[in-house]
Amino acid sequence: MIFLSLLKVLPRKASEQPSFMRRLKVVQPPPGVMLKEAFLLFGRFDGALIFEAPDAKTAMNFVLKVATPGVYKTETLVALRAEEF
């Protein structure tokens, strides 16, 4: 399954945003998770992750490891490839 996680830095936590990209490099994804892309965003959200995981529970565990609770609000979506329809 493909997931898109959108991340929003909580108020007064913006100084912790640059460390997000460094954190991605050191966090070991759970078995079966493959990070495809990571983006810093300008707009309503501050970051985005595109990754594959075998199921929603594994995806949730990965997002919680990367997006530190108390620093980020997250929204994770399941993505379906358009060519599959």
N, C-alpha and C. Protein backbone atom coordinates (compact mmCIF):
# COMPACT_ATOMS: atom_id res chain seq x y z
N MET A 1 0.84 -1.16 0.00
CA MET A 1 0.00 0.00 0.00
C MET A 1 0.89 1.24 0.00
N ILE A 2 0.41 2.27 -0.66
CA ILE A 2 1.13 3.53 -0.70
C ILE A 2 0.41 4.53 0.21
N PHE A 3 1.20 5.27 0.97
CA PHE A 3 0.66 6.25 1.91
C PHE A 3 1.28 7.62 1.65
N LEU A 4 0.49 8.64 1.90
CA LEU A 4 0.95 10.03 1.86
C LEU A 4 0.66 10.62 3.23
N SER A 5 1.69 11.00 3.94
CA SER A 5 1.52 11.63 5.25
C SER A 5 1.86 13.11 5.13
N LEU A 6 0.93 13.93 5.56
CA LEU A 6 1.12 15.37 5.59
C LEU A 6 1.39 15.77 7.03
N LEU A 7 2.38 16.64 7.22
CA LEU A 7 2.80 17.03 8.55
C LEU A 7 2.69 18.53 8.72
N LYS A 8 2.17 18.93 9.87
CA LYS A 8 2.04 20.34 10.22
C LYS A 8 2.74 20.54 11.55
N VAL A 9 3.67 21.46 11.59
CA VAL A 9 4.37 21.77 12.84
C VAL A 9 3.41 22.50 13.76
N LEU A 10 3.34 22.06 15.00
CA LEU A 10 2.46 22.70 15.97
C LEU A 10 2.99 24.09 16.34
N PRO A 11 2.11 24.97 16.79
CA PRO A 11 2.55 26.32 17.17
C PRO A 11 3.71 26.28 18.18
N ARG A 12 4.63 27.18 18.00
CA ARG A 12 5.82 27.33 18.85
C ARG A 12 6.79 26.15 18.76
N LYS A 13 6.67 25.33 17.74
CA LYS A 13 7.59 24.21 17.53
C LYS A 13 8.35 24.34 16.22
N ALA A 14 8.22 25.47 15.53
CA ALA A 14 8.82 25.66 14.22
C ALA A 14 10.34 25.48 14.24
N SER A 15 10.97 25.79 15.35
CA SER A 15 12.43 25.65 15.42
C SER A 15 12.86 24.20 15.30
N GLU A 16 11.95 23.26 15.52
CA GLU A 16 12.28 21.84 15.44
C GLU A 16 12.08 21.27 14.04
N GLN A 17 11.54 22.05 13.12
CA GLN A 17 11.27 21.59 11.76
C GLN A 17 12.54 21.19 11.00
N PRO A 18 13.62 21.96 11.00
CA PRO A 18 14.80 21.53 10.22
C PRO A 18 15.34 20.18 10.64
N SER A 19 15.20 19.82 11.90
CA SER A 19 15.71 18.53 12.36
C SER A 19 14.92 17.36 11.79
N PHE A 20 13.75 17.63 11.22
CA PHE A 20 12.91 16.59 10.64
C PHE A 20 13.65 15.83 9.54
N MET A 21 14.32 16.55 8.65
CA MET A 21 15.02 15.90 7.55
C MET A 21 16.21 15.07 8.08
N ARG A 22 16.89 15.57 9.09
CA ARG A 22 17.97 14.80 9.70
C ARG A 22 17.40 13.54 10.37
N ARG A 23 16.25 13.69 11.00
CA ARG A 23 15.63 12.56 11.68
C ARG A 23 15.26 11.45 10.69
N LEU A 24 14.80 11.84 9.51
CA LEU A 24 14.46 10.85 8.49
C LEU A 24 15.66 9.98 8.11
N LYS A 25 16.84 10.57 8.17
CA LYS A 25 18.04 9.83 7.78
C LYS A 25 18.48 8.83 8.83
N VAL A 26 18.08 9.02 10.09
CA VAL A 26 18.55 8.13 11.15
C VAL A 26 17.48 7.15 11.65
N VAL A 27 16.20 7.44 11.40
CA VAL A 27 15.15 6.54 11.87
C VAL A 27 15.11 5.31 10.97
N GLN A 28 15.20 4.17 11.59
CA GLN A 28 15.14 2.90 10.85
C GLN A 28 13.67 2.55 10.61
N PRO A 29 13.22 2.50 9.35
CA PRO A 29 11.82 2.14 9.09
C PRO A 29 11.54 0.71 9.54
N PRO A 30 10.31 0.46 9.97
CA PRO A 30 9.93 -0.92 10.34
C PRO A 30 10.04 -1.84 9.13
N PRO A 31 10.14 -3.15 9.34
CA PRO A 31 10.18 -4.08 8.22
C PRO A 31 8.98 -3.86 7.29
N GLY A 32 9.24 -3.85 6.01
CA GLY A 32 8.17 -3.69 5.03
C GLY A 32 7.88 -2.26 4.64
N VAL A 33 8.51 -1.29 5.30
CA VAL A 33 8.28 0.13 4.98
C VAL A 33 9.42 0.64 4.11
N MET A 34 9.05 1.29 3.01
CA MET A 34 10.04 1.88 2.14
C MET A 34 9.67 3.34 1.89
N LEU A 35 10.51 4.25 2.38
CA LEU A 35 10.29 5.67 2.16
C LEU A 35 10.65 6.00 0.72
N LYS A 36 9.69 6.55 -0.02
CA LYS A 36 9.90 6.90 -1.42
C LYS A 36 10.38 8.33 -1.58
N GLU A 37 9.71 9.27 -0.91
CA GLU A 37 10.03 10.69 -1.03
C GLU A 37 9.73 11.40 0.28
N ALA A 38 10.46 12.47 0.53
CA ALA A 38 10.19 13.35 1.66
C ALA A 38 10.34 14.77 1.17
N PHE A 39 9.40 15.62 1.56
CA PHE A 39 9.38 17.00 1.09
C PHE A 39 9.18 17.96 2.26
N LEU A 40 9.83 19.11 2.21
CA LEU A 40 9.46 20.24 3.04
C LEU A 40 8.53 21.08 2.18
N LEU A 41 7.43 21.56 2.76
CA LEU A 41 6.41 22.26 2.00
C LEU A 41 6.25 23.70 2.46
N PHE A 42 5.80 24.54 1.56
CA PHE A 42 5.41 25.92 1.88
C PHE A 42 3.91 25.99 1.65
N GLY A 43 3.15 26.26 2.68
CA GLY A 43 1.70 26.30 2.56
C GLY A 43 1.05 25.80 3.83
N ARG A 44 -0.11 25.20 3.69
CA ARG A 44 -0.88 24.74 4.85
C ARG A 44 -0.15 23.66 5.64
N PHE A 45 0.61 22.81 4.95
CA PHE A 45 1.38 21.76 5.60
C PHE A 45 2.86 22.08 5.48
N ASP A 46 3.66 21.55 6.40
CA ASP A 46 5.09 21.83 6.44
C ASP A 46 5.95 20.71 5.88
N GLY A 47 5.41 19.53 5.77
CA GLY A 47 6.17 18.40 5.24
C GLY A 47 5.25 17.33 4.71
N ALA A 48 5.82 16.46 3.87
CA ALA A 48 5.07 15.34 3.31
C ALA A 48 6.00 14.15 3.15
N LEU A 49 5.46 12.97 3.41
CA LEU A 49 6.17 11.72 3.20
C LEU A 49 5.35 10.86 2.26
N ILE A 50 6.00 10.24 1.31
CA ILE A 50 5.36 9.24 0.46
C ILE A 50 6.12 7.95 0.73
N PHE A 51 5.39 6.93 1.16
CA PHE A 51 6.06 5.68 1.51
C PHE A 51 5.13 4.49 1.26
N GLU A 52 5.75 3.33 1.20
CA GLU A 52 5.00 2.08 1.08
C GLU A 52 5.07 1.33 2.39
N ALA A 53 3.95 0.71 2.74
CA ALA A 53 3.87 -0.11 3.95
C ALA A 53 2.87 -1.23 3.67
N PRO A 54 3.03 -2.37 4.33
CA PRO A 54 2.13 -3.49 4.06
C PRO A 54 0.70 -3.29 4.57
N ASP A 55 0.54 -2.41 5.58
CA ASP A 55 -0.80 -2.21 6.15
C ASP A 55 -0.83 -0.88 6.91
N ALA A 56 -2.03 -0.48 7.32
CA ALA A 56 -2.22 0.81 8.00
C ALA A 56 -1.52 0.86 9.36
N LYS A 57 -1.52 -0.23 10.09
CA LYS A 57 -0.88 -0.24 11.41
C LYS A 57 0.63 -0.01 11.30
N THR A 58 1.26 -0.65 10.34
CA THR A 58 2.69 -0.46 10.12
C THR A 58 2.97 0.97 9.68
N ALA A 59 2.11 1.52 8.82
CA ALA A 59 2.25 2.90 8.37
C ALA A 59 2.16 3.86 9.55
N MET A 60 1.19 3.63 10.43
CA MET A 60 1.01 4.49 11.60
C MET A 60 2.25 4.45 12.49
N ASN A 61 2.79 3.26 12.72
CA ASN A 61 3.98 3.14 13.56
C ASN A 61 5.17 3.89 12.97
N PHE A 62 5.31 3.85 11.65
CA PHE A 62 6.39 4.56 10.99
C PHE A 62 6.22 6.08 11.15
N VAL A 63 5.02 6.56 10.90
CA VAL A 63 4.77 8.01 11.01
C VAL A 63 5.02 8.48 12.43
N LEU A 64 4.62 7.71 13.41
CA LEU A 64 4.85 8.11 14.81
C LEU A 64 6.33 8.11 15.18
N LYS A 65 7.14 7.27 14.54
CA LYS A 65 8.58 7.28 14.79
C LYS A 65 9.24 8.50 14.19
N VAL A 66 8.77 8.91 13.01
CA VAL A 66 9.40 10.01 12.28
C VAL A 66 8.87 11.37 12.73
N ALA A 67 7.56 11.49 12.82
CA ALA A 67 6.93 12.77 13.16
C ALA A 67 6.68 12.81 14.66
N THR A 68 7.60 13.36 15.38
CA THR A 68 7.57 13.37 16.83
C THR A 68 6.24 13.90 17.36
N PRO A 69 5.50 13.09 18.14
CA PRO A 69 4.27 13.60 18.76
C PRO A 69 4.59 14.80 19.65
N GLY A 70 3.70 15.78 19.63
CA GLY A 70 3.94 17.00 20.39
C GLY A 70 4.66 18.07 19.58
N VAL A 71 5.18 17.67 18.41
CA VAL A 71 5.84 18.62 17.51
C VAL A 71 5.03 18.74 16.22
N TYR A 72 4.48 17.63 15.75
CA TYR A 72 3.75 17.60 14.49
C TYR A 72 2.32 17.12 14.67
N LYS A 73 1.43 17.69 13.88
CA LYS A 73 0.11 17.14 13.67
C LYS A 73 0.19 16.45 12.32
N THR A 74 -0.31 15.23 12.21
CA THR A 74 -0.20 14.49 10.96
C THR A 74 -1.56 14.11 10.41
N GLU A 75 -1.58 13.95 9.11
CA GLU A 75 -2.75 13.41 8.40
C GLU A 75 -2.20 12.44 7.37
N THR A 76 -2.60 11.18 7.46
CA THR A 76 -2.07 10.16 6.56
C THR A 76 -3.20 9.63 5.69
N LEU A 77 -2.90 9.57 4.40
CA LEU A 77 -3.87 9.15 3.40
C LEU A 77 -3.36 7.91 2.68
N VAL A 78 -4.27 7.04 2.28
CA VAL A 78 -3.92 5.91 1.42
C VAL A 78 -3.98 6.41 -0.01
N ALA A 79 -2.95 6.09 -0.79
CA ALA A 79 -2.90 6.53 -2.19
C ALA A 79 -3.08 5.33 -3.10
N LEU A 80 -3.91 5.49 -4.11
CA LEU A 80 -4.13 4.44 -5.10
C LEU A 80 -3.61 4.93 -6.44
N ARG A 81 -2.86 4.08 -7.14
CA ARG A 81 -2.33 4.45 -8.44
C ARG A 81 -3.48 4.57 -9.44
N ALA A 82 -3.54 5.69 -10.15
CA ALA A 82 -4.63 5.94 -11.10
C ALA A 82 -4.68 4.88 -12.19
N GLU A 83 -3.53 4.37 -12.61
CA GLU A 83 -3.52 3.39 -13.70
C GLU A 83 -4.11 2.04 -13.30
N GLU A 84 -4.34 1.84 -12.01
CA GLU A 84 -4.94 0.58 -11.56
C GLU A 84 -6.45 0.56 -11.75
N PHE A 85 -7.04 1.68 -12.17
CA PHE A 85 -8.49 1.76 -12.34
C PHE A 85 -8.87 1.94 -13.78
